[in-house]
Amino acid sequence: MLEFVRPQRELSVAGQDLPIDPSRATAYGHAAIRRALDRLSQAENGTRNDHLNRSAFALGQLVASGALDELETVTALIEAGQNLGLGLRECERTVASGLRGGMEPRGLSIG
């Protein structure tokens, strides 16, 4: 996975080219990841890790549904986190945790 991550020095994800193959992502998934990256670019210092986790969780649901490719989504999120100034290891752990949580099946609570 590390071979797909290209560290960048920028502190913004706005206008970032998405490493998402259009043939593997639905239009909805593509729009969702673009919105997630835009929101991440606006995260203030001290909230960036939390925003990255929330984005990974939300996009994990789309990965589980087949609307996004998992590897490409992980790559985009890790790059975005690094562009915001977060460390590679921190990004990897945060994205893995959020994506895993988002991909878990949701049980119905009948009460």
PDB file of N, CA and C in Angstrom:
ATOM      1  N   MET A   1       0.821  -1.178   0.000  1.00  0.00           N
ATOM      2  CA  MET A   1       0.000   0.000   0.000  1.00  0.00           C
ATOM      3  C   MET A   1       0.872   1.250   0.000  1.00  0.00           C
ATOM      4  N   LEU A   2       2.001   1.199   0.668  1.00  0.00           N
ATOM      5  CA  LEU A   2       2.847   2.379   0.762  1.00  0.00           C
ATOM      6  C   LEU A   2       3.376   2.825  -0.586  1.00  0.00           C
ATOM      7  N   GLU A   3       3.509   1.902  -1.531  1.00  0.00           N
ATOM      8  CA  GLU A   3       4.030   2.280  -2.826  1.00  0.00           C
ATOM      9  C   GLU A   3       3.074   3.173  -3.600  1.00  0.00           C
ATOM     10  N   PHE A   4       1.793   3.202  -3.196  1.00  0.00           N
ATOM     11  CA  PHE A   4       0.809   4.036  -3.868  1.00  0.00           C
ATOM     12  C   PHE A   4       0.698   5.418  -3.241  1.00  0.00           C
ATOM     13  N   VAL A   5       1.331   5.603  -2.109  1.00  0.00           N
ATOM     14  CA  VAL A   5       1.230   6.872  -1.407  1.00  0.00           C
ATOM     15  C   VAL A   5       2.411   7.751  -1.792  1.00  0.00           C
ATOM     16  N   ARG A   6       2.118   8.916  -2.284  1.00  0.00           N
ATOM     17  CA  ARG A   6       3.158   9.857  -2.658  1.00  0.00           C
ATOM     18  C   ARG A   6       3.100  11.045  -1.711  1.00  0.00           C
ATOM     19  N   PRO A   7       4.017  11.129  -0.746  1.00  0.00           N
ATOM     20  CA  PRO A   7       3.995  12.263   0.178  1.00  0.00           C
ATOM     21  C   PRO A   7       4.153  13.575  -0.585  1.00  0.00           C
ATOM     22  N   GLN A   8       3.381  14.581  -0.168  1.00  0.00           N
ATOM     23  CA  GLN A   8       3.465  15.892  -0.782  1.00  0.00           C
ATOM     24  C   GLN A   8       3.650  16.919   0.312  1.00  0.00           C
ATOM     25  N   ARG A   9       4.213  18.030  -0.020  1.00  0.00           N
ATOM     26  CA  ARG A   9       4.516  19.071   0.953  1.00  0.00           C
ATOM     27  C   ARG A   9       3.371  20.065   1.127  1.00  0.00           C
ATOM     28  N   GLU A  10       2.391  20.084   0.214  1.00  0.00           N
ATOM     29  CA  GLU A  10       1.297  21.037   0.293  1.00  0.00           C
ATOM     30  C   GLU A  10       0.472  20.786   1.549  1.00  0.00           C
ATOM     31  N   LEU A  11      -0.157  21.826   2.029  1.00  0.00           N
ATOM     32  CA  LEU A  11      -1.035  21.694   3.183  1.00  0.00           C
ATOM     33  C   LEU A  11      -2.484  21.895   2.779  1.00  0.00           C
ATOM     34  N   SER A  12      -2.841  21.477   1.589  1.00  0.00           N
ATOM     35  CA  SER A  12      -4.201  21.611   1.107  1.00  0.00           C
ATOM     36  C   SER A  12      -4.542  20.422   0.230  1.00  0.00           C
ATOM     37  N   VAL A  13      -5.811  20.011   0.260  1.00  0.00           N
ATOM     38  CA  VAL A  13      -6.257  18.950  -0.629  1.00  0.00           C
ATOM     39  C   VAL A  13      -7.202  19.506  -1.685  1.00  0.00           C
ATOM     40  N   ALA A  14      -7.479  20.785  -1.651  1.00  0.00           N
ATOM     41  CA  ALA A  14      -8.365  21.395  -2.636  1.00  0.00           C
ATOM     42  C   ALA A  14      -7.760  21.268  -4.022  1.00  0.00           C
ATOM     43  N   GLY A  15      -8.575  20.871  -4.977  1.00  0.00           N
ATOM     44  CA  GLY A  15      -8.121  20.747  -6.344  1.00  0.00           C
ATOM     45  C   GLY A  15      -7.235  19.544  -6.606  1.00  0.00           C
ATOM     46  N   GLN A  16      -7.096  18.674  -5.641  1.00  0.00           N
ATOM     47  CA  GLN A  16      -6.239  17.490  -5.780  1.00  0.00           C
ATOM     48  C   GLN A  16      -6.842  16.546  -6.819  1.00  0.00           C
ATOM     49  N   ASP A  17      -6.008  16.031  -7.714  1.00  0.00           N
ATOM     50  CA  ASP A  17      -6.477  15.027  -8.657  1.00  0.00           C
ATOM     51  C   ASP A  17      -6.786  13.758  -7.892  1.00  0.00           C
ATOM     52  N   LEU A  18      -7.944  13.192  -8.152  1.00  0.00           N
ATOM     53  CA  LEU A  18      -8.344  11.986  -7.444  1.00  0.00           C
ATOM     54  C   LEU A  18      -7.698  10.766  -8.071  1.00  0.00           C
ATOM     55  N   PRO A  19      -7.078   9.916  -7.258  1.00  0.00           N
ATOM     56  CA  PRO A  19      -6.497   8.691  -7.799  1.00  0.00           C
ATOM     57  C   PRO A  19      -7.550   7.587  -7.912  1.00  0.00           C
ATOM     58  N   ILE A  20      -8.775   7.959  -8.209  1.00  0.00           N
ATOM     59  CA  ILE A  20      -9.869   7.001  -8.306  1.00  0.00           C
ATOM     60  C   ILE A  20     -10.110   6.689  -9.780  1.00  0.00           C
ATOM     61  N   ASP A  21     -10.056   5.436 -10.126  1.00  0.00           N
ATOM     62  CA  ASP A  21     -10.309   4.986 -11.487  1.00  0.00           C
ATOM     63  C   ASP A  21     -11.813   5.100 -11.739  1.00  0.00           C
ATOM     64  N   PRO A  22     -12.235   5.931 -12.699  1.00  0.00           N
ATOM     65  CA  PRO A  22     -13.662   6.117 -12.945  1.00  0.00           C
ATOM     66  C   PRO A  22     -14.408   4.830 -13.265  1.00  0.00           C
ATOM     67  N   SER A  23     -13.728   3.831 -13.809  1.00  0.00           N
ATOM     68  CA  SER A  23     -14.406   2.577 -14.128  1.00  0.00           C
ATOM     69  C   SER A  23     -14.700   1.750 -12.887  1.00  0.00           C
ATOM     70  N   ARG A  24     -14.060   2.082 -11.752  1.00  0.00           N
ATOM     71  CA  ARG A  24     -14.262   1.325 -10.522  1.00  0.00           C
ATOM     72  C   ARG A  24     -15.152   2.048  -9.515  1.00  0.00           C
ATOM     73  N   ALA A  25     -15.507   3.275  -9.782  1.00  0.00           N
ATOM     74  CA  ALA A  25     -16.297   4.059  -8.845  1.00  0.00           C
ATOM     75  C   ALA A  25     -17.567   4.539  -9.525  1.00  0.00           C
ATOM     76  N   THR A  26     -18.644   4.563  -8.771  1.00  0.00           N
ATOM     77  CA  THR A  26     -19.871   5.116  -9.323  1.00  0.00           C
ATOM     78  C   THR A  26     -19.777   6.635  -9.304  1.00  0.00           C
ATOM     79  N   ALA A  27     -20.643   7.273 -10.060  1.00  0.00           N
ATOM     80  CA  ALA A  27     -20.659   8.741 -10.074  1.00  0.00           C
ATOM     81  C   ALA A  27     -20.946   9.266  -8.670  1.00  0.00           C
ATOM     82  N   TYR A  28     -21.831   8.607  -7.954  1.00  0.00           N
ATOM     83  CA  TYR A  28     -22.143   9.026  -6.591  1.00  0.00           C
ATOM     84  C   TYR A  28     -20.908   8.897  -5.701  1.00  0.00           C
ATOM     85  N   GLY A  29     -20.212   7.776  -5.808  1.00  0.00           N
ATOM     86  CA  GLY A  29     -19.005   7.564  -5.020  1.00  0.00           C
ATOM     87  C   GLY A  29     -17.943   8.593  -5.337  1.00  0.00           C
ATOM     88  N   HIS A  30     -17.803   8.896  -6.614  1.00  0.00           N
ATOM     89  CA  HIS A  30     -16.817   9.894  -7.050  1.00  0.00           C
ATOM     90  C   HIS A  30     -17.149  11.264  -6.458  1.00  0.00           C
ATOM     91  N   ALA A  31     -18.418  11.636  -6.498  1.00  0.00           N
ATOM     92  CA  ALA A  31     -18.837  12.923  -5.929  1.00  0.00           C
ATOM     93  C   ALA A  31     -18.638  12.932  -4.417  1.00  0.00           C
ATOM     94  N   ALA A  32     -18.909  11.821  -3.774  1.00  0.00           N
ATOM     95  CA  ALA A  32     -18.768  11.737  -2.321  1.00  0.00           C
ATOM     96  C   ALA A  32     -17.320  11.903  -1.888  1.00  0.00           C
ATOM     97  N   ILE A  33     -16.405  11.292  -2.602  1.00  0.00           N
ATOM     98  CA  ILE A  33     -15.005  11.423  -2.216  1.00  0.00           C
ATOM     99  C   ILE A  33     -14.511  12.840  -2.482  1.00  0.00           C
ATOM    100  N   ARG A  34     -14.977  13.456  -3.542  1.00  0.00           N
ATOM    101  CA  ARG A  34     -14.599  14.839  -3.823  1.00  0.00           C
ATOM    102  C   ARG A  34     -15.110  15.764  -2.712  1.00  0.00           C
ATOM    103  N   ARG A  35     -16.351  15.567  -2.252  1.00  0.00           N
ATOM    104  CA  ARG A  35     -16.895  16.361  -1.144  1.00  0.00           C
ATOM    105  C   ARG A  35     -16.102  16.126   0.136  1.00  0.00           C
ATOM    106  N   ALA A  36     -15.755  14.867   0.397  1.00  0.00           N
ATOM    107  CA  ALA A  36     -14.996  14.539   1.606  1.00  0.00           C
ATOM    108  C   ALA A  36     -13.636  15.233   1.589  1.00  0.00           C
ATOM    109  N   LEU A  37     -12.970  15.238   0.440  1.00  0.00           N
ATOM    110  CA  LEU A  37     -11.666  15.890   0.329  1.00  0.00           C
ATOM    111  C   LEU A  37     -11.802  17.406   0.464  1.00  0.00           C
ATOM    112  N   ASP A  38     -12.872  17.957  -0.064  1.00  0.00           N
ATOM    113  CA  ASP A  38     -13.108  19.399   0.095  1.00  0.00           C
ATOM    114  C   ASP A  38     -13.311  19.754   1.567  1.00  0.00           C
ATOM    115  N   ARG A  39     -14.104  18.956   2.279  1.00  0.00           N
ATOM    116  CA  ARG A  39     -14.323  19.208   3.710  1.00  0.00           C
ATOM    117  C   ARG A  39     -13.016  19.061   4.486  1.00  0.00           C
ATOM    118  N   LEU A  40     -12.234  18.065   4.136  1.00  0.00           N
ATOM    119  CA  LEU A  40     -10.942  17.883   4.807  1.00  0.00           C
ATOM    120  C   LEU A  40     -10.043  19.099   4.617  1.00  0.00           C
ATOM    121  N   SER A  41     -10.084  19.682   3.451  1.00  0.00           N
ATOM    122  CA  SER A  41      -9.215  20.823   3.179  1.00  0.00           C
ATOM    123  C   SER A  41      -9.561  22.024   4.055  1.00  0.00           C
ATOM    124  N   GLN A  42     -10.749  22.041   4.621  1.00  0.00           N
ATOM    125  CA  GLN A  42     -11.190  23.145   5.471  1.00  0.00           C
ATOM    126  C   GLN A  42     -11.021  22.852   6.961  1.00  0.00           C
ATOM    127  N   ALA A  43     -10.539  21.657   7.290  1.00  0.00           N
ATOM    128  CA  ALA A  43     -10.376  21.278   8.696  1.00  0.00           C
ATOM    129  C   ALA A  43      -9.303  22.143   9.345  1.00  0.00           C
ATOM    130  N   GLU A  44      -9.621  22.640  10.505  1.00  0.00           N
ATOM    131  CA  GLU A  44      -8.677  23.485  11.230  1.00  0.00           C
ATOM    132  C   GLU A  44      -7.684  22.624  12.001  1.00  0.00           C
ATOM    133  N   ASN A  45      -6.530  23.206  12.253  1.00  0.00           N
ATOM    134  CA  ASN A  45      -5.508  22.527  13.029  1.00  0.00           C
ATOM    135  C   ASN A  45      -6.104  22.073  14.363  1.00  0.00           C
ATOM    136  N   GLY A  46      -5.812  20.855  14.751  1.00  0.00           N
ATOM    137  CA  GLY A  46      -6.359  20.296  15.982  1.00  0.00           C
ATOM    138  C   GLY A  46      -7.600  19.451  15.745  1.00  0.00           C
ATOM    139  N   THR A  47      -8.193  19.558  14.544  1.00  0.00           N
ATOM    140  CA  THR A  47      -9.387  18.769  14.223  1.00  0.00           C
ATOM    141  C   THR A  47      -9.166  17.875  13.004  1.00  0.00           C
ATOM    142  N   ARG A  48      -7.987  17.953  12.434  1.00  0.00           N
ATOM    143  CA  ARG A  48      -7.737  17.269  11.158  1.00  0.00           C
ATOM    144  C   ARG A  48      -7.812  15.753  11.269  1.00  0.00           C
ATOM    145  N   ASN A  49      -7.271  15.181  12.325  1.00  0.00           N
ATOM    146  CA  ASN A  49      -7.322  13.730  12.491  1.00  0.00           C
ATOM    147  C   ASN A  49      -8.768  13.270  12.641  1.00  0.00           C
ATOM    148  N   ASP A  50      -9.545  13.988  13.417  1.00  0.00           N
ATOM    149  CA  ASP A  50     -10.961  13.645  13.607  1.00  0.00           C
ATOM    150  C   ASP A  50     -11.716  13.741  12.283  1.00  0.00           C
ATOM    151  N   HIS A  51     -11.458  14.794  11.519  1.00  0.00           N
ATOM    152  CA  HIS A  51     -12.102  14.939  10.212  1.00  0.00           C
ATOM    153  C   HIS A  51     -11.698  13.806   9.264  1.00  0.00           C
ATOM    154  N   LEU A  52     -10.435  13.426   9.314  1.00  0.00           N
ATOM    155  CA  LEU A  52      -9.957  12.323   8.474  1.00  0.00           C
ATOM    156  C   LEU A  52     -10.659  11.027   8.848  1.00  0.00           C
ATOM    157  N   ASN A  53     -10.813  10.785  10.146  1.00  0.00           N
ATOM    158  CA  ASN A  53     -11.499   9.584  10.611  1.00  0.00           C
ATOM    159  C   ASN A  53     -12.959   9.573  10.168  1.00  0.00           C
ATOM    160  N   ARG A  54     -13.631  10.681  10.308  1.00  0.00           N
ATOM    161  CA  ARG A  54     -15.043  10.771   9.907  1.00  0.00           C
ATOM    162  C   ARG A  54     -15.209  10.575   8.404  1.00  0.00           C
ATOM    163  N   SER A  55     -14.298  11.138   7.639  1.00  0.00           N
ATOM    164  CA  SER A  55     -14.348  10.960   6.188  1.00  0.00           C
ATOM    165  C   SER A  55     -14.126   9.502   5.817  1.00  0.00           C
ATOM    166  N   ALA A  56     -13.159   8.867   6.469  1.00  0.00           N
ATOM    167  CA  ALA A  56     -12.881   7.455   6.196  1.00  0.00           C
ATOM    168  C   ALA A  56     -14.089   6.594   6.546  1.00  0.00           C
ATOM    169  N   PHE A  57     -14.742   6.899   7.660  1.00  0.00           N
ATOM    170  CA  PHE A  57     -15.929   6.147   8.066  1.00  0.00           C
ATOM    171  C   PHE A  57     -17.031   6.277   7.008  1.00  0.00           C
ATOM    172  N   ALA A  58     -17.316   7.517   6.605  1.00  0.00           N
ATOM    173  CA  ALA A  58     -18.373   7.754   5.616  1.00  0.00           C
ATOM    174  C   ALA A  58     -18.050   7.080   4.288  1.00  0.00           C
ATOM    175  N   LEU A  59     -16.813   7.205   3.838  1.00  0.00           N
ATOM    176  CA  LEU A  59     -16.434   6.594   2.565  1.00  0.00           C
ATOM    177  C   LEU A  59     -16.345   5.078   2.672  1.00  0.00           C
ATOM    178  N   GLY A  60     -16.075   4.574   3.874  1.00  0.00           N
ATOM    179  CA  GLY A  60     -16.075   3.127   4.094  1.00  0.00           C
ATOM    180  C   GLY A  60     -17.428   2.512   3.788  1.00  0.00           C
ATOM    181  N   GLN A  61     -18.484   3.241   4.065  1.00  0.00           N
ATOM    182  CA  GLN A  61     -19.817   2.748   3.746  1.00  0.00           C
ATOM    183  C   GLN A  61     -19.995   2.613   2.235  1.00  0.00           C
ATOM    184  N   LEU A  62     -19.411   3.541   1.487  1.00  0.00           N
ATOM    185  CA  LEU A  62     -19.494   3.468   0.024  1.00  0.00           C
ATOM    186  C   LEU A  62     -18.595   2.376  -0.537  1.00  0.00           C
ATOM    187  N   VAL A  63     -17.470   2.146   0.114  1.00  0.00           N
ATOM    188  CA  VAL A  63     -16.604   1.039  -0.289  1.00  0.00           C
ATOM    189  C   VAL A  63     -17.351  -0.277  -0.091  1.00  0.00           C
ATOM    190  N   ALA A  64     -18.005  -0.414   1.055  1.00  0.00           N
ATOM    191  CA  ALA A  64     -18.746  -1.647   1.353  1.00  0.00           C
ATOM    192  C   ALA A  64     -19.873  -1.873   0.354  1.00  0.00           C
ATOM    193  N   SER A  65     -20.451  -0.797  -0.159  1.00  0.00           N
ATOM    194  CA  SER A  65     -21.560  -0.931  -1.114  1.00  0.00           C
ATOM    195  C   SER A  65     -21.074  -1.149  -2.543  1.00  0.00           C
ATOM    196  N   GLY A  66     -19.771  -0.987  -2.769  1.00  0.00           N
ATOM    197  CA  GLY A  66     -19.221  -1.157  -4.110  1.00  0.00           C
ATOM    198  C   GLY A  66     -19.163   0.136  -4.912  1.00  0.00           C
ATOM    199  N   ALA A  67     -19.531   1.264  -4.291  1.00  0.00           N
ATOM    200  CA  ALA A  67     -19.517   2.538  -5.003  1.00  0.00           C
ATOM    201  C   ALA A  67     -18.111   3.103  -5.141  1.00  0.00           C
ATOM    202  N   LEU A  68     -17.183   2.652  -4.291  1.00  0.00           N
ATOM    203  CA  LEU A  68     -15.789   3.089  -4.355  1.00  0.00           C
ATOM    204  C   LEU A  68     -14.863   1.888  -4.192  1.00  0.00           C
ATOM    205  N   ASP A  69     -13.702   1.980  -4.804  1.00  0.00           N
ATOM    206  CA  ASP A  69     -12.672   0.962  -4.657  1.00  0.00           C
ATOM    207  C   ASP A  69     -11.913   1.214  -3.352  1.00  0.00           C
ATOM    208  N   GLU A  70     -11.701   0.176  -2.563  1.00  0.00           N
ATOM    209  CA  GLU A  70     -11.075   0.339  -1.250  1.00  0.00           C
ATOM    210  C   GLU A  70      -9.649   0.888  -1.332  1.00  0.00           C
ATOM    211  N   LEU A  71      -8.797   0.292  -2.123  1.00  0.00           N
ATOM    212  CA  LEU A  71      -7.404   0.726  -2.191  1.00  0.00           C
ATOM    213  C   LEU A  71      -7.293   2.165  -2.681  1.00  0.00           C
ATOM    214  N   GLU A  72      -8.056   2.506  -3.690  1.00  0.00           N
ATOM    215  CA  GLU A  72      -7.997   3.857  -4.229  1.00  0.00           C
ATOM    216  C   GLU A  72      -8.540   4.884  -3.224  1.00  0.00           C
ATOM    217  N   THR A  73      -9.554   4.495  -2.460  1.00  0.00           N
ATOM    218  CA  THR A  73     -10.112   5.388  -1.447  1.00  0.00           C
ATOM    219  C   THR A  73      -9.110   5.600  -0.324  1.00  0.00           C
ATOM    220  N   VAL A  74      -8.477   4.517   0.119  1.00  0.00           N
ATOM    221  CA  VAL A  74      -7.461   4.611   1.165  1.00  0.00           C
ATOM    222  C   VAL A  74      -6.323   5.530   0.707  1.00  0.00           C
ATOM    223  N   THR A  75      -5.875   5.346  -0.510  1.00  0.00           N
ATOM    224  CA  THR A  75      -4.783   6.149  -1.053  1.00  0.00           C
ATOM    225  C   THR A  75      -5.147   7.632  -1.065  1.00  0.00           C
ATOM    226  N   ALA A  76      -6.351   7.942  -1.530  1.00  0.00           N
ATOM    227  CA  ALA A  76      -6.784   9.343  -1.595  1.00  0.00           C
ATOM    228  C   ALA A  76      -6.862   9.961  -0.206  1.00  0.00           C
ATOM    229  N   LEU A  77      -7.384   9.214   0.768  1.00  0.00           N
ATOM    230  CA  LEU A  77      -7.515   9.740   2.131  1.00  0.00           C
ATOM    231  C   LEU A  77      -6.156   9.930   2.805  1.00  0.00           C
ATOM    232  N   ILE A  78      -5.260   8.983   2.611  1.00  0.00           N
ATOM    233  CA  ILE A  78      -3.925   9.107   3.214  1.00  0.00           C
ATOM    234  C   ILE A  78      -3.186  10.298   2.605  1.00  0.00           C
ATOM    235  N   GLU A  79      -3.267  10.458   1.304  1.00  0.00           N
ATOM    236  CA  GLU A  79      -2.634  11.606   0.661  1.00  0.00           C
ATOM    237  C   GLU A  79      -3.226  12.911   1.180  1.00  0.00           C
ATOM    238  N   ALA A  80      -4.542  12.942   1.328  1.00  0.00           N
ATOM    239  CA  ALA A  80      -5.198  14.156   1.824  1.00  0.00           C
ATOM    240  C   ALA A  80      -4.735  14.474   3.246  1.00  0.00           C
ATOM    241  N   GLY A  81      -4.665  13.456   4.090  1.00  0.00           N
ATOM    242  CA  GLY A  81      -4.199  13.660   5.465  1.00  0.00           C
ATOM    243  C   GLY A  81      -2.772  14.179   5.509  1.00  0.00           C
ATOM    244  N   GLN A  82      -1.932  13.617   4.687  1.00  0.00           N
ATOM    245  CA  GLN A  82      -0.540  14.083   4.641  1.00  0.00           C
ATOM    246  C   GLN A  82      -0.449  15.508   4.105  1.00  0.00           C
ATOM    247  N   ASN A  83      -1.270  15.840   3.139  1.00  0.00           N
ATOM    248  CA  ASN A  83      -1.275  17.194   2.598  1.00  0.00           C
ATOM    249  C   ASN A  83      -1.707  18.211   3.647  1.00  0.00           C
ATOM    250  N   LEU A  84      -2.445  17.758   4.641  1.00  0.00           N
ATOM    251  CA  LEU A  84      -2.873  18.640   5.728  1.00  0.00           C
ATOM    252  C   LEU A  84      -1.822  18.748   6.826  1.00  0.00           C
ATOM    253  N   GLY A  85      -0.752  17.960   6.709  1.00  0.00           N
ATOM    254  CA  GLY A  85       0.321  18.039   7.686  1.00  0.00           C
ATOM    255  C   GLY A  85       0.347  16.894   8.683  1.00  0.00           C
ATOM    256  N   LEU A  86      -0.545  15.920   8.541  1.00  0.00           N
ATOM    257  CA  LEU A  86      -0.529  14.751   9.429  1.00  0.00           C
ATOM    258  C   LEU A  86       0.557  13.786   8.963  1.00  0.00           C
ATOM    259  N   GLY A  87       1.141  13.031   9.882  1.00  0.00           N
ATOM    260  CA  GLY A  87       2.172  12.060   9.550  1.00  0.00           C
ATOM    261  C   GLY A  87       1.605  10.837   8.854  1.00  0.00           C
ATOM    262  N   LEU A  88       2.456  10.163   8.107  1.00  0.00           N
ATOM    263  CA  LEU A  88       2.032   8.979   7.346  1.00  0.00           C
ATOM    264  C   LEU A  88       1.436   7.911   8.251  1.00  0.00           C
ATOM    265  N   ARG A  89       2.130   7.557   9.335  1.00  0.00           N
ATOM    266  CA  ARG A  89       1.637   6.499  10.241  1.00  0.00           C
ATOM    267  C   ARG A  89       0.292   6.882  10.848  1.00  0.00           C
ATOM    268  N   GLU A  90       0.171   8.137  11.256  1.00  0.00           N
ATOM    269  CA  GLU A  90      -1.084   8.624  11.829  1.00  0.00           C
ATOM    270  C   GLU A  90      -2.212   8.505  10.802  1.00  0.00           C
ATOM    271  N   CYS A  91      -1.936   8.894   9.576  1.00  0.00           N
ATOM    272  CA  CYS A  91      -2.936   8.808   8.510  1.00  0.00           C
ATOM    273  C   CYS A  91      -3.332   7.358   8.247  1.00  0.00           C
ATOM    274  N   GLU A  92      -2.343   6.479   8.171  1.00  0.00           N
ATOM    275  CA  GLU A  92      -2.634   5.068   7.903  1.00  0.00           C
ATOM    276  C   GLU A  92      -3.530   4.480   8.985  1.00  0.00           C
ATOM    277  N   ARG A  93      -3.189   4.744  10.255  1.00  0.00           N
ATOM    278  CA  ARG A  93      -3.997   4.210  11.358  1.00  0.00           C
ATOM    279  C   ARG A  93      -5.399   4.800  11.376  1.00  0.00           C
ATOM    280  N   THR A  94      -5.488   6.098  11.184  1.00  0.00           N
ATOM    281  CA  THR A  94      -6.782   6.779  11.228  1.00  0.00           C
ATOM    282  C   THR A  94      -7.686   6.317  10.095  1.00  0.00           C
ATOM    283  N   VAL A  95      -7.139   6.255   8.896  1.00  0.00           N
ATOM    284  CA  VAL A  95      -7.931   5.830   7.736  1.00  0.00           C
ATOM    285  C   VAL A  95      -8.357   4.368   7.891  1.00  0.00           C
ATOM    286  N   ALA A  96      -7.452   3.513   8.324  1.00  0.00           N
ATOM    287  CA  ALA A  96      -7.798   2.091   8.504  1.00  0.00           C
ATOM    288  C   ALA A  96      -8.917   1.930   9.519  1.00  0.00           C
ATOM    289  N   SER A  97      -8.825   2.644  10.629  1.00  0.00           N
ATOM    290  CA  SER A  97      -9.847   2.553  11.673  1.00  0.00           C
ATOM    291  C   SER A  97     -11.196   3.069  11.181  1.00  0.00           C
ATOM    292  N   GLY A  98     -11.194   4.242  10.550  1.00  0.00           N
ATOM    293  CA  GLY A  98     -12.444   4.817  10.063  1.00  0.00           C
ATOM    294  C   GLY A  98     -13.073   3.991   8.962  1.00  0.00           C
ATOM    295  N   LEU A  99     -12.271   3.533   8.028  1.00  0.00           N
ATOM    296  CA  LEU A  99     -12.783   2.735   6.916  1.00  0.00           C
ATOM    297  C   LEU A  99     -13.360   1.415   7.424  1.00  0.00           C
ATOM    298  N   ARG A 100     -12.630   0.772   8.339  1.00  0.00           N
ATOM    299  CA  ARG A 100     -13.104  -0.500   8.910  1.00  0.00           C
ATOM    300  C   ARG A 100     -14.450  -0.295   9.602  1.00  0.00           C
ATOM    301  N   GLY A 101     -14.569   0.775  10.378  1.00  0.00           N
ATOM    302  CA  GLY A 101     -15.832   1.064  11.053  1.00  0.00           C
ATOM    303  C   GLY A 101     -16.962   1.309  10.078  1.00  0.00           C
ATOM    304  N   GLY A 102     -16.687   2.043   9.010  1.00  0.00           N
ATOM    305  CA  GLY A 102     -17.712   2.327   8.018  1.00  0.00           C
ATOM    306  C   GLY A 102     -18.129   1.113   7.220  1.00  0.00           C
ATOM    307  N   MET A 103     -17.232   0.151   7.069  1.00  0.00           N
ATOM    308  CA  MET A 103     -17.530  -1.039   6.284  1.00  0.00           C
ATOM    309  C   MET A 103     -18.259  -2.121   7.076  1.00  0.00           C
ATOM    310  N   GLU A 104     -18.308  -1.979   8.401  1.00  0.00           N
ATOM    311  CA  GLU A 104     -18.998  -2.985   9.219  1.00  0.00           C
ATOM    312  C   GLU A 104     -20.487  -2.972   8.931  1.00  0.00           C
ATOM    313  N   PRO A 105     -21.079  -4.152   8.844  1.00  0.00           N
ATOM    314  CA  PRO A 105     -22.524  -4.211   8.627  1.00  0.00           C
ATOM    315  C   PRO A 105     -23.276  -3.591   9.793  1.00  0.00           C
ATOM    316  N   ARG A 106     -24.347  -2.941   9.493  1.00  0.00           N
ATOM    317  CA  ARG A 106     -25.183  -2.328  10.523  1.00  0.00           C
ATOM    318  C   ARG A 106     -26.349  -3.264  10.812  1.00  0.00           C
ATOM    319  N   GLY A 107     -26.522  -3.576  12.084  1.00  0.00           N
ATOM    320  CA  GLY A 107     -27.653  -4.422  12.472  1.00  0.00           C
ATOM    321  C   GLY A 107     -28.894  -3.589  12.686  1.00  0.00           C
ATOM    322  N   LEU A 108     -30.017  -4.174  12.443  1.00  0.00           N
ATOM    323  CA  LEU A 108     -31.279  -3.493  12.693  1.00  0.00           C
ATOM    324  C   LEU A 108     -31.682  -3.724  14.137  1.00  0.00           C
ATOM    325  N   SER A 109     -32.080  -2.683  14.783  1.00  0.00           N
ATOM    326  CA  SER A 109     -32.533  -2.776  16.147  1.00  0.00           C
ATOM    327  C   SER A 109     -34.050  -2.707  16.163  1.00  0.00           C
ATOM    328  N   ILE A 110     -34.646  -3.814  16.492  1.00  0.00           N
ATOM    329  CA  ILE A 110     -36.116  -3.865  16.547  1.00  0.00           C
ATOM    330  C   ILE A 110     -36.502  -3.844  18.011  1.00  0.00           C
ATOM    331  N   GLY A 111     -37.172  -2.822  18.390  1.00  0.00           N
ATOM    332  CA  GLY A 111     -37.412  -2.700  19.797  1.00  0.00           C
ATOM    333  C   GLY A 111     -38.740  -2.274  20.100  1.00  0.00           C
TER     334      GLY A 111
END
